[in-house]
């Protein structure tokens, strides 16, 4: 064996093998990095596909927050939507369950680091939140957070909101994390823009459909009150907590709430508010809709009709007629709710304008129908006066002549005179009907005759049948002002008493006025009057008569029933 045969292999021969192992390790690490990058890119693509495939804005915002947490491999993520005042309007979080969220309390308002991103929309990446002087700490019950990544979401050159990520599962967020989240934010901006356009289109379609529905119902013979329809549609479509319609009073000084829909609406209906110094005055004067993000932004004007709830965003829209402003439509959300967008104001104003036109068309049609009805009533009244009454009068004269000829037969003469009295009574009733036909329509202003007839018609359901009503003498010209009010009250209380106690089949009201007195007689054929009604229900009638120096009598005819006779001097 040679001398060199016992030597071990040279160490230098192992070097290529070691270098090959290192290269393989590096290749494996690089392959793993490539695989991780592919997985993250795939996750980004899947997230992008998810958020761009949904057109519901609410769902899109939730998907964005969840996708950002997945892509950045973070424990917690949130999307803050920036409000008009620079704070946070909404805060959609992911990774914190509902129980923990309730324990934390109110959502962030956009202070500290969150506010820094709002003021300067550029990405912020921190290894430790506590080390940054802009950090303001966490509220009680908030989970601990160390690493932080914030990226703005810009929609059409406008900062819509910011993505906030904390607690990277890799210890700290990397530049690659920031790049991926920024890419997701760009895709999110497109998805938000599309969802907004879709939502605006749907809302616009609902406003247009509401306008068509109101027009159709107003042109129908019967239907819901038009102002109530306006408030109901506005409340529903605008997702409002309270919607109301107020009309301007005749003197132009106040606004009267006709209808209201929403929270505590019943308490609002029928209230009057001064126009001066109100948002309604601004809308009426400028004939333009107003969008107020908060009552605090009302420039000193009192937000009319928002006193019952803690109001937040408000839209005040004038109901414009061809010649005047009829009133205002108020649409209110609670404080803390999402603000109305300018597009909301435009669509609601368009709806209100079309509704105003429909209301005016319906009012014009109603006026035409009233004119036709008045003309028809006038024709009937003229025929009754010129023909029927004259014929009855002639019959009465003939019967009076026959009564004279039949003077020798007392029974026949008495019967004929009784028939003449019946004819006189019938003629008085026809004259009352003629006056009612020629008088104003229901709901219009009128004299004592109209008011008494209206009371009789009002109590018709309670009586079970119409009461007969006759007038004698110039009651409208002689019985006026507070005396007319007392006569009307007398008729109302008397008929109410009949309805409650008499169980009558026939009720007659006679109102007569001469040069000195006015007399009201209410007679029924019921079961008579009891002491309880005498001492309680009719005491007001006696008090009214005595206050005016008159009298009040209760008579019980031999044939049964009751007669109330209320008589007072005119002066």
Protein backbone atom coordinates (compact mmCIF):
# COMPACT_ATOMS: atom_id res chain seq x y z
CA UNK A 1 0.00 0.00 0.00
CA UNK A 2 1.34 3.37 -0.88
CA UNK A 3 1.97 6.08 1.68
CA UNK A 4 -0.93 8.22 0.60
CA UNK A 5 -3.47 5.42 0.76
CA UNK A 6 -4.06 5.94 4.52
CA UNK A 7 -4.97 9.69 4.21
CA UNK A 8 -8.64 10.74 4.74
CA UNK A 9 -10.53 12.53 1.93
CA UNK A 10 -9.74 16.21 1.61
CA UNK A 11 -12.26 18.54 3.42
CA UNK A 12 -12.35 20.78 0.45
CA UNK A 13 -14.29 18.11 -1.40
CA UNK A 14 -17.38 18.78 0.79
CA UNK A 15 -17.71 22.46 -0.15
CA UNK A 16 -19.74 22.01 -3.36
CA UNK A 17 -22.19 19.77 -1.52
CA UNK A 18 -22.70 22.37 1.22
CA UNK A 19 -23.23 25.09 -1.33
CA UNK A 20 -25.76 22.91 -3.12
CA UNK A 21 -27.67 22.39 0.13
CA UNK A 22 -27.73 26.12 0.73
CA UNK A 23 -28.99 26.73 -2.77
CA UNK A 24 -31.69 24.12 -2.35
CA UNK A 25 -32.74 25.67 0.98
CA UNK A 26 -32.87 29.05 -0.65
CA UNK A 27 -34.89 27.68 -3.53
CA UNK A 28 -37.31 26.06 -1.08
CA UNK A 29 -37.63 29.30 0.90
CA UNK A 30 -38.16 31.25 -2.30
CA UNK A 31 -40.74 28.72 -3.50
CA UNK A 32 -42.52 29.03 -0.18
CA UNK A 33 -42.41 32.82 -0.48
CA UNK A 34 -43.78 32.55 -4.00
CA UNK A 35 -46.46 30.17 -2.76
CA UNK A 36 -47.39 32.56 0.05
CA UNK A 37 -47.44 35.44 -2.41
CA UNK A 38 -49.64 33.43 -4.75
CA UNK A 39 -51.95 32.55 -1.87
CA UNK A 40 -52.19 36.19 -0.83
CA UNK A 41 -52.77 37.33 -4.40
CA UNK A 42 -55.42 34.65 -4.78
CA UNK A 43 -57.02 35.87 -1.54
CA UNK A 44 -56.90 39.43 -2.88
CA UNK A 45 -58.53 38.36 -6.15
CA UNK A 46 -61.21 36.40 -4.29
CA UNK A 47 -61.85 39.35 -2.01
CA UNK A 48 -62.05 41.71 -4.97
CA UNK A 49 -64.46 39.39 -6.72
CA UNK A 50 -66.60 39.17 -3.57
CA UNK A 51 -66.90 42.91 -2.94
CA UNK A 52 -67.48 43.79 -6.61
CA UNK A 53 -70.16 41.15 -7.14
CA UNK A 54 -72.58 42.61 -4.58
CA UNK A 55 -74.57 45.78 -5.29
CA UNK A 56 -75.92 46.27 -1.78
CA UNK A 57 -73.88 49.08 -0.23
CA UNK A 58 -74.34 47.71 3.27
CA UNK A 59 -73.11 44.26 2.25
CA UNK A 60 -70.21 45.74 0.29
CA UNK A 61 -68.93 47.64 3.33
CA UNK A 62 -69.06 44.51 5.49
CA UNK A 63 -67.27 42.46 2.80
CA UNK A 64 -64.52 45.10 2.53
CA UNK A 65 -63.74 44.99 6.26
CA UNK A 66 -63.66 41.19 6.32
CA UNK A 67 -61.58 40.99 3.13
CA UNK A 68 -59.00 43.43 4.48
CA UNK A 69 -58.56 41.32 7.62
CA UNK A 70 -58.01 38.20 5.49
CA UNK A 71 -55.63 39.77 2.98
CA UNK A 72 -53.45 41.44 5.62
CA UNK A 73 -53.54 38.38 7.90
CA UNK A 74 -54.75 40.56 10.80
CA UNK A 75 -56.82 39.69 13.83
CA UNK A 76 -58.94 42.82 13.67
CA UNK A 77 -60.12 45.11 10.86
CA UNK A 78 -62.58 47.97 10.48
CA UNK A 79 -63.88 50.32 7.82
CA UNK A 80 -64.62 53.85 9.00
CA UNK A 81 -66.95 55.91 6.81
CA UNK A 82 -66.19 59.63 7.02
CA UNK A 83 -69.05 61.99 7.83
CA UNK A 84 -69.54 65.46 6.39
CA UNK A 85 -68.24 67.06 9.60
CA UNK A 86 -64.96 65.13 9.36
CA UNK A 87 -65.79 62.57 12.01
CA UNK A 88 -66.83 58.97 11.53
CA UNK A 89 -70.37 58.42 10.32
CA UNK A 90 -70.17 54.64 10.44
CA UNK A 91 -67.69 52.09 11.77
CA UNK A 92 -67.95 48.53 10.43
CA UNK A 93 -65.70 46.16 12.36
CA UNK A 94 -64.53 42.58 11.79
CA UNK A 95 -62.89 40.22 14.27
CA UNK A 96 -64.62 41.55 17.39
CA UNK A 97 -67.73 39.65 18.37
CA UNK A 98 -70.98 41.37 19.34
CA UNK A 99 -70.56 40.71 23.06
CA UNK A 100 -67.14 42.38 23.18
CA UNK A 101 -68.42 45.26 21.02
CA UNK A 102 -71.25 45.88 23.48
CA UNK A 103 -68.81 45.82 26.38
CA UNK A 104 -66.58 48.39 24.65
CA UNK A 105 -69.49 50.81 24.25
CA UNK A 106 -69.94 53.58 21.66
CA UNK A 107 -68.10 53.25 18.37
CA UNK A 108 -65.03 55.46 17.68
CA UNK A 109 -65.61 59.07 16.70
CA UNK A 110 -62.50 59.56 14.58
CA UNK A 111 -59.97 60.79 17.14
CA UNK A 112 -56.28 59.94 17.64
CA UNK A 113 -54.73 57.83 14.90
CA UNK A 114 -58.12 57.30 13.27
CA UNK A 115 -58.52 61.05 12.98
CA UNK A 116 -54.98 61.44 11.65
CA UNK A 117 -55.87 59.28 8.65
CA UNK A 118 -59.00 61.37 8.10
CA UNK A 119 -57.06 64.63 8.13
CA UNK A 120 -54.16 63.31 6.05
CA UNK A 121 -55.35 60.36 3.89
CA UNK A 122 -52.01 58.59 3.46
CA UNK A 123 -51.18 55.06 4.67
CA UNK A 124 -49.89 54.69 8.24
CA UNK A 125 -47.98 51.58 9.34
CA UNK A 126 -46.80 51.12 12.94
CA UNK A 127 -45.15 48.29 14.84
CA UNK A 128 -46.52 49.56 18.15
CA UNK A 129 -49.51 51.83 18.50
CA UNK A 130 -48.44 53.03 21.95
CA UNK A 131 -45.19 54.47 20.57
CA UNK A 132 -47.01 56.96 18.30
CA UNK A 133 -47.81 60.31 19.97
CA UNK A 134 -51.10 60.53 18.04
CA UNK A 135 -52.46 57.45 19.80
CA UNK A 136 -55.09 58.18 22.48
CA UNK A 137 -55.33 54.70 23.95
CA UNK A 138 -58.31 52.38 24.15
CA UNK A 139 -61.58 52.46 26.10
CA UNK A 140 -62.26 49.92 28.87
CA UNK A 141 -62.91 46.30 27.79
CA UNK A 142 -61.12 46.90 24.47
CA UNK A 143 -58.85 44.00 23.40
CA UNK A 144 -55.10 44.78 23.40
CA UNK A 145 -53.70 45.94 20.05
CA UNK A 146 -50.09 46.59 19.07
CA UNK A 147 -49.36 46.64 15.35
CA UNK A 148 -51.41 49.00 13.12
CA UNK A 149 -52.03 49.60 9.43
CA UNK A 150 -54.32 52.32 8.07
CA UNK A 151 -55.13 52.81 4.38
CA UNK A 152 -57.58 55.38 2.87
CA UNK A 153 -60.42 54.39 0.51
CA UNK A 154 -60.79 57.06 -2.18
CA UNK A 155 -63.95 57.08 -4.30
CA UNK A 156 -63.99 59.45 -7.30
CA UNK A 157 -61.28 61.69 -5.84
CA UNK A 158 -63.18 61.86 -2.55
CA UNK A 159 -62.03 60.10 0.61
CA UNK A 160 -64.94 57.82 1.43
CA UNK A 161 -63.35 56.28 4.51
CA UNK A 162 -60.35 54.39 5.85
CA UNK A 163 -59.39 50.77 6.41
CA UNK A 164 -57.93 50.13 9.87
CA UNK A 165 -56.09 46.86 10.64
CA UNK A 166 -54.46 45.81 13.91
CA UNK A 167 -52.65 42.83 15.41
CA UNK A 168 -50.79 41.29 12.48
CA UNK A 169 -50.45 37.55 12.96
CA UNK A 170 -46.85 37.95 11.74
CA UNK A 171 -45.93 40.39 14.52
CA UNK A 172 -45.89 43.54 12.40
CA UNK A 173 -47.41 44.63 9.11
CA UNK A 174 -45.01 44.60 6.18
CA UNK A 175 -44.68 46.79 3.13
CA UNK A 176 -46.26 43.91 1.19
CA UNK A 177 -49.27 43.99 3.55
CA UNK A 178 -49.64 47.69 2.91
CA UNK A 179 -49.42 47.18 -0.85
CA UNK A 180 -52.07 44.42 -0.82
CA UNK A 181 -54.47 46.42 1.36
CA UNK A 182 -53.96 49.47 -0.87
CA UNK A 183 -54.88 47.32 -3.89
CA UNK A 184 -57.94 46.09 -2.03
CA UNK A 185 -58.86 49.70 -1.19
CA UNK A 186 -58.77 50.61 -4.89
CA UNK A 187 -61.07 47.69 -5.71
CA UNK A 188 -63.26 48.65 -2.78
CA UNK A 189 -63.57 52.18 -4.16
CA UNK A 190 -64.92 50.79 -7.43
CA UNK A 191 -67.34 48.50 -5.60
CA UNK A 192 -68.56 51.34 -3.38
CA UNK A 193 -69.06 53.58 -6.40
CA UNK A 194 -71.08 50.91 -8.23
CA UNK A 195 -73.15 50.13 -5.15
CA UNK A 196 -73.86 53.82 -4.62
CA UNK A 197 -74.99 54.25 -8.23
CA UNK A 198 -77.19 51.18 -7.98
CA UNK A 199 -78.67 52.34 -4.68
CA UNK A 200 -79.35 55.82 -6.06
CA UNK A 201 -81.01 54.31 -9.13
CA UNK A 202 -83.25 52.12 -6.98
CA UNK A 203 -84.19 54.98 -4.68
CA UNK A 204 -84.90 57.21 -7.66
CA UNK A 205 -87.13 54.52 -9.13
CA UNK A 206 -89.03 54.31 -5.81
CA UNK A 207 -89.52 58.09 -5.73
CA UNK A 208 -90.83 58.02 -9.30
CA UNK A 209 -93.17 55.13 -8.51
CA UNK A 210 -94.45 57.03 -5.47
CA UNK A 211 -95.16 60.07 -7.65
CA UNK A 212 -97.14 57.91 -10.09
CA UNK A 213 -99.06 56.24 -7.24
CA UNK A 214 -100.02 59.58 -5.71
CA UNK A 215 -101.20 60.90 -9.07
CA UNK A 216 -103.27 57.78 -9.72
CA UNK A 217 -104.89 57.78 -6.28
CA UNK A 218 -105.67 61.49 -6.40
CA UNK A 219 -107.43 61.05 -9.72
CA UNK A 220 -109.49 58.16 -8.32
CA UNK A 221 -112.89 58.94 -6.89
CA UNK A 222 -111.88 57.93 -3.38
CA UNK A 223 -108.59 57.22 -1.68
CA UNK A 224 -106.14 58.14 1.04
CA UNK A 225 -105.69 61.76 2.04
CA UNK A 226 -103.11 63.23 -0.40
CA UNK A 227 -100.98 64.90 2.27
CA UNK A 228 -100.86 61.69 4.28
CA UNK A 229 -99.72 59.83 1.15
CA UNK A 230 -96.91 62.37 0.69
CA UNK A 231 -95.71 61.92 4.28
CA UNK A 232 -96.03 58.12 4.18
CA UNK A 233 -94.05 57.69 0.97
CA UNK A 234 -91.40 60.18 2.08
CA UNK A 235 -90.92 58.42 5.43
CA UNK A 236 -90.64 55.00 3.82
CA UNK A 237 -88.34 55.82 0.92
CA UNK A 238 -86.03 58.18 2.82
CA UNK A 239 -85.75 55.74 5.75
CA UNK A 240 -86.82 58.55 8.08
CA UNK A 241 -87.71 58.41 11.75
CA UNK A 242 -90.29 61.17 11.34
CA UNK A 243 -91.96 62.76 8.31
CA UNK A 244 -94.60 65.47 8.45
CA UNK A 245 -96.48 67.85 6.18
CA UNK A 246 -97.34 71.31 7.45
CA UNK A 247 -99.60 73.77 5.66
CA UNK A 248 -99.28 77.53 5.90
CA UNK A 249 -102.14 79.21 7.75
CA UNK A 250 -104.35 81.78 6.01
CA UNK A 251 -102.56 84.71 7.69
CA UNK A 252 -99.17 83.37 6.60
CA UNK A 253 -97.77 83.57 10.13
CA UNK A 254 -97.86 79.95 11.28
CA UNK A 255 -97.54 76.47 9.96
CA UNK A 256 -100.13 73.86 10.93
CA UNK A 257 -99.14 70.17 11.03
CA UNK A 258 -101.76 68.33 8.98
CA UNK A 259 -100.19 64.86 8.97
CA UNK A 260 -97.19 63.11 10.47
CA UNK A 261 -95.74 59.61 10.14
CA UNK A 262 -93.20 58.04 12.49
CA UNK A 263 -92.08 58.43 16.08
CA UNK A 264 -94.57 60.32 18.30
CA UNK A 265 -96.40 61.45 15.17
CA UNK A 266 -99.75 61.57 16.99
CA UNK A 267 -98.39 64.22 19.34
CA UNK A 268 -97.27 66.35 16.41
CA UNK A 269 -100.48 66.33 14.37
CA UNK A 270 -102.54 69.48 14.92
CA UNK A 271 -99.73 71.57 16.40
CA UNK A 272 -99.02 75.10 15.18
CA UNK A 273 -95.55 76.60 14.89
CA UNK A 274 -94.54 80.16 14.04
CA UNK A 275 -92.96 80.45 10.60
CA UNK A 276 -90.71 83.29 11.64
CA UNK A 277 -87.19 82.13 12.43
CA UNK A 278 -87.74 78.58 11.20
CA UNK A 279 -86.27 76.32 8.56
CA UNK A 280 -89.73 76.20 7.00
CA UNK A 281 -89.60 79.98 6.49
CA UNK A 282 -86.27 79.67 4.69
CA UNK A 283 -87.62 76.93 2.42
CA UNK A 284 -90.85 78.85 1.69
CA UNK A 285 -89.09 82.17 1.06
CA UNK A 286 -86.42 80.75 -1.24
CA UNK A 287 -88.80 78.15 -2.77
CA UNK A 288 -85.85 75.76 -2.52
CA UNK A 289 -85.30 72.55 -0.50
CA UNK A 290 -82.93 72.58 2.46
CA UNK A 291 -80.55 69.87 3.65
CA UNK A 292 -79.44 70.25 7.27
CA UNK A 293 -77.00 67.67 8.58
CA UNK A 294 -77.85 68.57 12.18
CA UNK A 295 -80.02 71.13 13.99
CA UNK A 296 -76.72 72.58 15.19
CA UNK A 297 -76.05 73.59 11.56
CA UNK A 298 -79.39 75.40 11.17
CA UNK A 299 -77.75 78.84 11.27
CA UNK A 300 -79.90 80.00 14.20
CA UNK A 301 -83.18 78.85 12.67
CA UNK A 302 -85.38 76.70 14.87
CA UNK A 303 -85.90 73.29 13.24
CA UNK A 304 -89.69 73.37 13.08
CA UNK A 305 -91.55 70.08 13.80
CA UNK A 306 -88.51 68.34 15.26
CA UNK A 307 -89.19 69.10 18.91
CA UNK A 308 -90.41 65.62 19.81
CA UNK A 309 -87.35 63.59 18.86
CA UNK A 310 -83.62 64.19 19.08
CA UNK A 311 -83.25 65.26 15.48
CA UNK A 312 -80.19 64.66 13.34
CA UNK A 313 -80.22 65.06 9.54
CA UNK A 314 -83.22 67.06 8.23
CA UNK A 315 -84.67 67.75 4.79
CA UNK A 316 -87.17 70.61 4.52
CA UNK A 317 -88.90 70.69 1.14
CA UNK A 318 -91.46 73.32 0.05
CA UNK A 319 -94.64 72.06 -1.63
CA UNK A 320 -94.65 74.41 -4.61
CA UNK A 321 -97.92 75.29 -6.31
CA UNK A 322 -98.39 77.23 -9.51
CA UNK A 323 -99.17 80.42 -7.63
CA UNK A 324 -98.12 79.83 -4.02
CA UNK A 325 -96.29 77.52 -1.64
CA UNK A 326 -98.86 75.25 -0.01
CA UNK A 327 -96.66 74.06 2.84
CA UNK A 328 -93.52 72.09 3.64
CA UNK A 329 -92.52 68.45 3.78
CA UNK A 330 -90.16 67.67 6.68
CA UNK A 331 -88.10 64.47 6.64
CA UNK A 332 -86.10 63.80 9.81
CA UNK A 333 -83.69 61.14 11.01
CA UNK A 334 -82.51 60.71 14.57
CA UNK A 335 -79.22 62.17 15.72
CA UNK A 336 -76.41 59.76 14.90
CA UNK A 337 -78.12 58.39 11.77
CA UNK A 338 -76.53 58.52 8.33
CA UNK A 339 -76.81 61.95 6.74
CA UNK A 340 -78.93 62.56 3.67
CA UNK A 341 -76.96 62.76 0.44
CA UNK A 342 -77.47 65.65 -2.02
CA UNK A 343 -79.05 63.11 -4.38
CA UNK A 344 -81.60 62.29 -1.65
CA UNK A 345 -82.58 65.96 -1.49
CA UNK A 346 -82.88 66.23 -5.28
CA UNK A 347 -85.08 63.16 -5.56
CA UNK A 348 -87.28 64.09 -2.59
CA UNK A 349 -87.72 67.61 -3.98
CA UNK A 350 -88.72 66.22 -7.37
CA UNK A 351 -91.23 63.94 -5.67
CA UNK A 352 -92.67 66.83 -3.65
CA UNK A 353 -93.03 69.00 -6.76
CA UNK A 354 -94.88 66.27 -8.67
CA UNK A 355 -97.05 65.57 -5.62
CA UNK A 356 -97.92 69.28 -5.41
CA UNK A 357 -98.98 69.30 -9.06
CA UNK A 358 -101.13 66.20 -8.50
CA UNK A 359 -102.74 67.80 -5.43
CA UNK A 360 -103.54 70.95 -7.39
CA UNK A 361 -105.04 68.92 -10.25
CA UNK A 362 -107.17 66.98 -7.78
CA UNK A 363 -108.28 70.23 -6.11
CA UNK A 364 -109.17 71.73 -9.50
CA UNK A 365 -111.20 68.64 -10.38
CA UNK A 366 -112.94 68.83 -7.01
CA UNK A 367 -113.80 72.50 -7.64
CA UNK A 368 -115.29 71.59 -11.02
CA UNK A 369 -117.37 68.87 -9.38
CA UNK A 370 -118.54 71.32 -6.72
CA UNK A 371 -119.59 73.81 -9.39
CA UNK A 372 -121.52 71.12 -11.26
CA UNK A 373 -123.15 70.00 -8.03
CA UNK A 374 -124.10 73.56 -7.10
CA UNK A 375 -125.63 74.10 -10.53
CA UNK A 376 -127.62 70.88 -10.21
CA UNK A 377 -128.77 71.78 -6.72
CA UNK A 378 -129.78 75.25 -7.83
CA UNK A 379 -131.89 73.76 -10.61
CA UNK A 380 -133.63 71.39 -8.17
CA UNK A 381 -134.23 74.23 -5.69
CA UNK A 382 -135.68 76.41 -8.45
CA UNK A 383 -138.03 73.65 -9.57
CA UNK A 384 -139.19 73.06 -5.98
CA UNK A 385 -139.84 76.77 -5.43
CA UNK A 386 -141.44 77.55 -8.79
CA UNK A 387 -143.57 74.43 -9.15
CA UNK A 388 -143.94 72.16 -6.12
CA UNK A 389 -144.46 74.83 -3.45
CA UNK A 390 -146.84 76.80 -5.67
CA UNK A 391 -148.89 73.67 -6.34
CA UNK A 392 -149.04 72.81 -2.64
CA UNK A 393 -149.97 76.41 -1.84
CA UNK A 394 -152.83 76.21 -4.37
CA UNK A 395 -153.99 72.93 -2.84
CA UNK A 396 -153.95 74.53 0.58
CA UNK A 397 -156.05 77.45 -0.61
CA UNK A 398 -158.56 75.05 -2.12
CA UNK A 399 -158.75 73.11 1.12
CA UNK A 400 -159.27 76.31 3.08
CA UNK A 401 -162.15 77.17 0.72
CA UNK A 402 -163.65 73.74 1.23
CA UNK A 403 -163.35 74.16 5.00
CA UNK A 404 -165.43 77.35 4.75
CA UNK A 405 -168.04 75.58 2.63
CA UNK A 406 -168.10 72.69 5.11
CA UNK A 407 -168.63 74.92 8.12
CA UNK A 408 -171.89 73.14 8.93
CA UNK A 409 -170.02 69.85 9.31
CA UNK A 410 -167.63 70.53 12.18
CA UNK A 411 -165.79 67.22 11.89
CA UNK A 412 -165.12 67.71 8.18
CA UNK A 413 -164.12 71.33 8.67
CA UNK A 414 -161.69 70.36 11.45
CA UNK A 415 -160.20 67.62 9.29
CA UNK A 416 -159.73 70.02 6.37
CA UNK A 417 -158.05 72.62 8.58
CA UNK A 418 -155.77 69.89 9.90
CA UNK A 419 -154.76 68.98 6.37
CA UNK A 420 -154.08 72.66 5.64
CA UNK A 421 -151.76 72.78 8.67
CA UNK A 422 -150.03 69.64 7.38
CA UNK A 423 -149.51 71.34 4.03
CA UNK A 424 -148.11 74.44 5.74
CA UNK A 425 -145.69 72.27 7.67
CA UNK A 426 -144.68 70.45 4.48
CA UNK A 427 -144.12 73.77 2.68
CA UNK A 428 -141.86 74.95 5.53
CA UNK A 429 -139.84 71.73 5.31
CA UNK A 430 -139.50 72.11 1.54
CA UNK A 431 -138.35 75.71 2.02
CA UNK A 432 -135.74 74.44 4.47
CA UNK A 433 -134.61 71.92 1.86
CA UNK A 434 -134.49 74.66 -0.78
CA UNK A 435 -132.27 76.74 1.48
CA UNK A 436 -130.00 73.77 2.15
CA UNK A 437 -129.72 73.17 -1.59
CA UNK A 438 -128.91 76.80 -2.32
CA UNK A 439 -126.70 77.19 0.73
CA UNK A 440 -122.97 76.38 0.90
CA UNK A 441 -121.61 72.88 0.49
CA UNK A 442 -120.48 70.87 3.48
CA UNK A 443 -117.33 72.26 5.00
CA UNK A 444 -117.96 75.80 3.71
CA UNK A 445 -118.77 78.76 5.91
CA UNK A 446 -122.49 79.54 6.28
CA UNK A 447 -125.14 81.03 8.55
CA UNK A 448 -127.24 79.58 11.32
CA UNK A 449 -129.37 77.48 8.99
CA UNK A 450 -126.33 75.70 7.57
CA UNK A 451 -124.89 75.15 11.01
CA UNK A 452 -128.13 73.66 12.42
CA UNK A 453 -128.51 71.39 9.39
CA UNK A 454 -124.89 70.30 9.82
CA UNK A 455 -125.48 69.40 13.48
CA UNK A 456 -128.57 67.40 12.55
CA UNK A 457 -126.62 65.51 9.90
CA UNK A 458 -123.70 64.95 12.30
CA UNK A 459 -125.99 63.34 14.90
CA UNK A 460 -127.95 61.31 12.36
CA UNK A 461 -126.03 58.06 13.11
CA UNK A 462 -126.63 58.48 16.85
CA UNK A 463 -130.34 59.15 16.32
CA UNK A 464 -130.70 56.23 13.94
CA UNK A 465 -132.66 58.32 11.43
CA UNK A 466 -132.59 61.90 10.09
CA UNK A 467 -134.19 64.59 12.25
CA UNK A 468 -136.72 66.89 10.64
CA UNK A 469 -135.58 70.52 10.60
CA UNK A 470 -137.64 73.63 9.82
CA UNK A 471 -136.91 77.35 10.02
CA UNK A 472 -139.33 80.25 10.39
CA UNK A 473 -138.33 83.85 9.94
CA UNK A 474 -135.02 85.48 8.96
CA UNK A 475 -132.90 83.40 11.32
CA UNK A 476 -129.64 83.98 9.45
CA UNK A 477 -129.87 87.75 9.63
CA UNK A 478 -131.30 88.04 13.15
CA UNK A 479 -129.43 85.28 14.99
CA UNK A 480 -125.69 85.94 14.72
CA UNK A 481 -122.40 85.85 16.66
CA UNK A 482 -122.51 84.36 20.18
CA UNK A 483 -126.31 84.01 20.10
CA UNK A 484 -125.97 81.78 17.04
CA UNK A 485 -123.34 79.76 18.94
CA UNK A 486 -125.81 79.26 21.80
CA UNK A 487 -128.58 78.17 19.39
CA UNK A 488 -126.25 75.66 17.76
CA UNK A 489 -125.18 74.35 21.17
CA UNK A 490 -128.85 74.09 22.18
CA UNK A 491 -129.69 72.00 19.10
CA UNK A 492 -126.63 69.78 19.63
CA UNK A 493 -127.31 69.15 23.32
CA UNK A 494 -131.01 68.60 22.73
CA UNK A 495 -130.50 66.08 19.93
CA UNK A 496 -127.74 64.35 21.91
CA UNK A 497 -130.13 63.96 24.81
CA UNK A 498 -132.75 62.44 22.48
CA UNK A 499 -130.17 60.01 21.10
CA UNK A 500 -129.11 58.92 24.62
CA UNK A 501 -132.43 58.64 26.40
CA UNK A 502 -135.52 58.88 24.18
CA UNK A 503 -135.36 55.86 21.84
CA UNK A 504 -137.49 57.97 19.49
CA UNK A 505 -138.73 57.08 16.02
CA UNK A 506 -139.19 60.70 14.97
CA UNK A 507 -137.38 63.88 15.99
CA UNK A 508 -138.32 67.41 14.90
CA UNK A 509 -136.23 70.58 15.29
CA UNK A 510 -137.93 73.97 14.72
CA UNK A 511 -135.97 77.22 14.82
CA UNK A 512 -137.97 80.45 14.61
CA UNK A 513 -136.96 84.09 14.82
CA UNK A 514 -139.10 87.22 14.96
CA UNK A 515 -138.44 90.84 15.82
CA UNK A 516 -137.81 90.14 19.51
CA UNK A 517 -137.01 86.48 20.21
CA UNK A 518 -135.47 83.31 18.84
CA UNK A 519 -137.14 80.03 19.76
CA UNK A 520 -135.78 76.50 19.43
CA UNK A 521 -138.20 73.61 19.75
CA UNK A 522 -136.99 69.99 19.81
CA UNK A 523 -139.74 67.37 19.93
CA UNK A 524 -139.57 63.58 19.88
CA UNK A 525 -142.00 60.69 20.20
CA UNK A 526 -139.81 58.64 22.51
CA UNK A 527 -140.34 57.27 25.98
CA UNK A 528 -140.08 60.60 27.73
CA UNK A 529 -137.36 62.13 29.84
CA UNK A 530 -136.08 60.95 33.21
CA UNK A 531 -134.98 62.99 36.20
CA UNK A 532 -131.30 62.22 35.64
CA UNK A 533 -131.39 63.79 32.19
CA UNK A 534 -133.47 66.70 33.54
CA UNK A 535 -130.96 67.58 36.25
CA UNK A 536 -127.70 66.85 34.43
CA UNK A 537 -127.82 66.54 30.67
CA UNK A 538 -130.12 69.56 30.11
CA UNK A 539 -128.80 71.88 32.81
CA UNK A 540 -126.57 73.62 30.29
CA UNK A 541 -129.58 74.51 28.15
CA UNK A 542 -131.33 76.14 31.09
CA UNK A 543 -128.15 77.99 32.09
CA UNK A 544 -127.67 79.34 28.56
CA UNK A 545 -131.28 80.55 28.40
CA UNK A 546 -131.20 82.19 31.85
CA UNK A 547 -127.87 83.85 31.07
CA UNK A 548 -129.59 85.63 28.17
CA UNK A 549 -132.73 86.46 30.11
CA UNK A 550 -134.76 83.73 28.43
CA UNK A 551 -136.55 80.55 29.40
CA UNK A 552 -136.17 76.84 29.00
CA UNK A 553 -139.14 74.47 29.34
CA UNK A 554 -139.55 70.72 29.21
CA UNK A 555 -143.04 69.62 28.21
CA UNK A 556 -144.58 66.17 27.99
CA UNK A 557 -147.40 66.07 25.40
CA UNK A 558 -150.46 63.92 26.06
CA UNK A 559 -149.55 61.74 23.07
CA UNK A 560 -146.15 60.97 24.65
CA UNK A 561 -142.59 61.97 23.95
CA UNK A 562 -140.88 65.18 25.02
CA UNK A 563 -140.70 68.80 23.86
CA UNK A 564 -137.81 71.07 24.74
CA UNK A 565 -138.57 74.77 24.21
CA UNK A 566 -135.64 77.18 24.45
CA UNK A 567 -136.57 80.86 24.01
CA UNK A 568 -134.36 83.92 24.47
CA UNK A 569 -134.56 87.59 23.45
CA UNK A 570 -132.50 88.72 20.45
CA UNK A 571 -130.88 91.62 22.29
